[in-house]
Amino acid sequence: MEVVAVPKALQGLRRTVRRYLDAPCADVQLCVTELVGNVIRHVGEGVGVRVRVARTDGGRIRVEVTDPEAQALPVLLPATDDAEVGRGLALIDAVTVRWGVEQGVEKTVWCELAEEE
């Protein structure tokens, strides 16, 4: 699905993911909104992104968010106790089996989660 990365789009993305998976998927919804939120914060509001959520072999769900800025790479940094921002990738790291970045003309940040039961 292609969306414009704006804050008001995040709620609709969560609903769309829930309908698509037709199952409880709080961690998947968290990953989608955190990754698109990172595009809004670090690449710019209004950027077109491609969001892909798919079940894979092995009982996992793969989330991919692709944006046009291949050089704006995500970095997992420790957040201080009183920091109000900077925990998004730490959350993704905590709830996923693995995550990473694929670079080319565009950048895709992806993660894989075990299916929720």
C-alpha atoms as a PDB file:
ATOM      1  CA  MET A   1       0.000   0.000   0.000  1.00  0.00           C
ATOM      2  CA  GLU A   2       1.263   3.471  -0.808  1.00  0.00           C
ATOM      3  CA  VAL A   3       0.567   6.279   1.644  1.00  0.00           C
ATOM      4  CA  VAL A   4       1.647   9.831   2.266  1.00  0.00           C
ATOM      5  CA  ALA A   5       3.631  10.027   5.495  1.00  0.00           C
ATOM      6  CA  VAL A   6       1.615  12.406   7.640  1.00  0.00           C
ATOM      7  CA  PRO A   7       0.683  11.966  11.311  1.00  0.00           C
ATOM      8  CA  LYS A   8      -3.050  11.670  10.624  1.00  0.00           C
ATOM      9  CA  ALA A   9      -2.402   8.672   8.348  1.00  0.00           C
ATOM     10  CA  LEU A  10      -1.026   6.554  11.210  1.00  0.00           C
ATOM     11  CA  GLN A  11      -4.397   5.701  12.770  1.00  0.00           C
ATOM     12  CA  GLY A  12      -5.738   4.559   9.400  1.00  0.00           C
ATOM     13  CA  LEU A  13      -2.646   2.422   8.873  1.00  0.00           C
ATOM     14  CA  ARG A  14      -3.221   0.655  12.206  1.00  0.00           C
ATOM     15  CA  ARG A  15      -6.825  -0.137  11.223  1.00  0.00           C
ATOM     16  CA  THR A  16      -5.810  -1.323   7.759  1.00  0.00           C
ATOM     17  CA  VAL A  17      -3.143  -3.660   9.179  1.00  0.00           C
ATOM     18  CA  ARG A  18      -5.648  -5.123  11.677  1.00  0.00           C
ATOM     19  CA  ARG A  19      -8.207  -5.752   8.916  1.00  0.00           C
ATOM     20  CA  TYR A  20      -5.588  -7.233   6.580  1.00  0.00           C
ATOM     21  CA  LEU A  21      -4.219  -9.687   9.162  1.00  0.00           C
ATOM     22  CA  ASP A  22      -7.696 -10.411  10.572  1.00  0.00           C
ATOM     23  CA  ALA A  23      -6.146 -11.168  13.954  1.00  0.00           C
ATOM     24  CA  PRO A  24      -4.818  -9.383  17.034  1.00  0.00           C
ATOM     25  CA  CYS A  25      -1.669  -7.615  15.895  1.00  0.00           C
ATOM     26  CA  ALA A  26      -0.679  -4.891  18.371  1.00  0.00           C
ATOM     27  CA  ASP A  27       3.056  -5.431  17.835  1.00  0.00           C
ATOM     28  CA  VAL A  28       2.687  -5.342  14.044  1.00  0.00           C
ATOM     29  CA  GLN A  29       0.657  -2.131  14.318  1.00  0.00           C
ATOM     30  CA  LEU A  30       3.338  -0.679  16.607  1.00  0.00           C
ATOM     31  CA  CYS A  31       6.072  -1.495  14.077  1.00  0.00           C
ATOM     32  CA  VAL A  32       4.154   0.000  11.140  1.00  0.00           C
ATOM     33  CA  THR A  33       3.416   3.243  12.956  1.00  0.00           C
ATOM     34  CA  GLU A  34       6.931   3.573  14.405  1.00  0.00           C
ATOM     35  CA  LEU A  35       8.579   3.021  11.020  1.00  0.00           C
ATOM     36  CA  VAL A  36       6.266   5.442   9.206  1.00  0.00           C
ATOM     37  CA  GLY A  37       6.638   7.886  12.109  1.00  0.00           C
ATOM     38  CA  ASN A  38      10.413   7.733  11.632  1.00  0.00           C
ATOM     39  CA  VAL A  39       9.960   8.707   7.989  1.00  0.00           C
ATOM     40  CA  ILE A  40       7.825  11.681   9.063  1.00  0.00           C
ATOM     41  CA  ARG A  41      10.411  12.808  11.647  1.00  0.00           C
ATOM     42  CA  HIS A  42      13.639  12.137   9.756  1.00  0.00           C
ATOM     43  CA  VAL A  43      12.787  12.394   6.046  1.00  0.00           C
ATOM     44  CA  GLY A  44       9.850  14.796   6.111  1.00  0.00           C
ATOM     45  CA  GLU A  45       6.123  15.041   6.430  1.00  0.00           C
ATOM     46  CA  GLY A  46       4.242  14.439   3.201  1.00  0.00           C
ATOM     47  CA  VAL A  47       6.794  12.029   1.721  1.00  0.00           C
ATOM     48  CA  GLY A  48       5.309   9.113  -0.187  1.00  0.00           C
ATOM     49  CA  VAL A  49       6.055   5.753   1.405  1.00  0.00           C
ATOM     50  CA  ARG A  50       5.275   2.171   0.524  1.00  0.00           C
ATOM     51  CA  VAL A  51       4.089  -0.060   3.375  1.00  0.00           C
ATOM     52  CA  ARG A  52       4.077  -3.822   2.996  1.00  0.00           C
ATOM     53  CA  VAL A  53       2.850  -6.320   5.582  1.00  0.00           C
ATOM     54  CA  ALA A  54       2.981 -10.014   4.700  1.00  0.00           C
ATOM     55  CA  ARG A  55       2.935 -13.400   6.338  1.00  0.00           C
ATOM     56  CA  THR A  56       6.082 -15.364   5.538  1.00  0.00           C
ATOM     57  CA  ASP A  57       7.074 -18.990   5.695  1.00  0.00           C
ATOM     58  CA  GLY A  58       7.961 -19.999   9.205  1.00  0.00           C
ATOM     59  CA  GLY A  59       5.065 -18.270  10.959  1.00  0.00           C
ATOM     60  CA  ARG A  60       6.401 -14.739  10.840  1.00  0.00           C
ATOM     61  CA  ILE A  61       4.974 -11.418   9.758  1.00  0.00           C
ATOM     62  CA  ARG A  62       7.260  -9.118   7.788  1.00  0.00           C
ATOM     63  CA  VAL A  63       6.737  -5.357   7.816  1.00  0.00           C
ATOM     64  CA  GLU A  64       8.505  -3.173   5.236  1.00  0.00           C
ATOM     65  CA  VAL A  65       8.411   0.619   4.947  1.00  0.00           C
ATOM     66  CA  THR A  66      10.106   2.075   1.876  1.00  0.00           C
ATOM     67  CA  ASP A  67      10.871   5.774   1.415  1.00  0.00           C
ATOM     68  CA  PRO A  68      12.839   7.705  -1.224  1.00  0.00           C
ATOM     69  CA  GLU A  69      15.664   8.897   1.081  1.00  0.00           C
ATOM     70  CA  ALA A  70      18.261   6.120   0.914  1.00  0.00           C
ATOM     71  CA  GLN A  71      20.816   8.044   2.987  1.00  0.00           C
ATOM     72  CA  ALA A  72      18.595   8.745   6.044  1.00  0.00           C
ATOM     73  CA  LEU A  73      19.403   5.547   7.922  1.00  0.00           C
ATOM     74  CA  PRO A  74      17.800   4.514  11.202  1.00  0.00           C
ATOM     75  CA  VAL A  75      20.141   4.206  14.177  1.00  0.00           C
ATOM     76  CA  LEU A  76      19.342   2.320  17.364  1.00  0.00           C
ATOM     77  CA  LEU A  77      20.424   4.623  20.183  1.00  0.00           C
ATOM     78  CA  PRO A  78      19.927   4.217  23.915  1.00  0.00           C
ATOM     79  CA  ALA A  79      17.354   6.669  25.253  1.00  0.00           C
ATOM     80  CA  THR A  80      17.895   8.346  28.576  1.00  0.00           C
ATOM     81  CA  ASP A  81      15.305   7.791  31.296  1.00  0.00           C
ATOM     82  CA  ASP A  82      13.793  11.249  30.861  1.00  0.00           C
ATOM     83  CA  ALA A  83      13.942  11.411  27.047  1.00  0.00           C
ATOM     84  CA  GLU A  84      10.584  12.013  25.397  1.00  0.00           C
ATOM     85  CA  VAL A  85      11.720  10.762  21.979  1.00  0.00           C
ATOM     86  CA  GLY A  86      14.188   8.231  20.643  1.00  0.00           C
ATOM     87  CA  ARG A  87      12.626   4.965  21.758  1.00  0.00           C
ATOM     88  CA  GLY A  88      11.006   3.868  18.479  1.00  0.00           C
ATOM     89  CA  LEU A  89      13.773   1.597  17.231  1.00  0.00           C
ATOM     90  CA  ALA A  90      14.330   0.263  20.751  1.00  0.00           C
ATOM     91  CA  LEU A  91      10.656  -0.766  20.800  1.00  0.00           C
ATOM     92  CA  ILE A  92      10.985  -2.377  17.388  1.00  0.00           C
ATOM     93  CA  ASP A  93      14.136  -4.165  18.516  1.00  0.00           C
ATOM     94  CA  ALA A  94      12.311  -5.440  21.609  1.00  0.00           C
ATOM     95  CA  VAL A  95       9.187  -6.824  19.888  1.00  0.00           C
ATOM     96  CA  THR A  96      10.680  -8.235  16.684  1.00  0.00           C
ATOM     97  CA  VAL A  97      12.669 -11.337  15.855  1.00  0.00           C
ATOM     98  CA  ARG A  98      14.964  -9.204  13.708  1.00  0.00           C
ATOM     99  CA  TRP A  99      15.040  -5.952  11.750  1.00  0.00           C
ATOM    100  CA  GLY A 100      17.266  -4.225   9.251  1.00  0.00           C
ATOM    101  CA  VAL A 101      17.667  -1.851   6.334  1.00  0.00           C
ATOM    102  CA  GLU A 102      17.990  -2.441   2.604  1.00  0.00           C
ATOM    103  CA  GLN A 103      19.521   0.404   0.602  1.00  0.00           C
ATOM    104  CA  GLY A 104      19.337   1.091  -3.079  1.00  0.00           C
ATOM    105  CA  VAL A 105      17.832   4.014  -4.910  1.00  0.00           C
ATOM    106  CA  GLU A 106      15.313   3.960  -2.059  1.00  0.00           C
ATOM    107  CA  LYS A 107      15.578   2.693   1.500  1.00  0.00           C
ATOM    108  CA  THR A 108      13.465  -0.085   3.021  1.00  0.00           C
ATOM    109  CA  VAL A 109      13.400  -0.553   6.779  1.00  0.00           C
ATOM    110  CA  TRP A 110      11.985  -3.969   7.594  1.00  0.00           C
ATOM    111  CA  CYS A 111      11.260  -6.133  10.595  1.00  0.00           C
ATOM    112  CA  GLU A 112       9.965  -9.622  11.241  1.00  0.00           C
ATOM    113  CA  LEU A 113       7.712 -10.648  14.104  1.00  0.00           C
ATOM    114  CA  ALA A 114       6.443 -13.997  15.302  1.00  0.00           C
ATOM    115  CA  GLU A 115       2.692 -14.285  14.667  1.00  0.00           C
ATOM    116  CA  GLU A 116       0.702 -13.359  17.750  1.00  0.00           C
ATOM    117  CA  GLU A 117      -1.455 -16.092  19.178  1.00  0.00           C
END
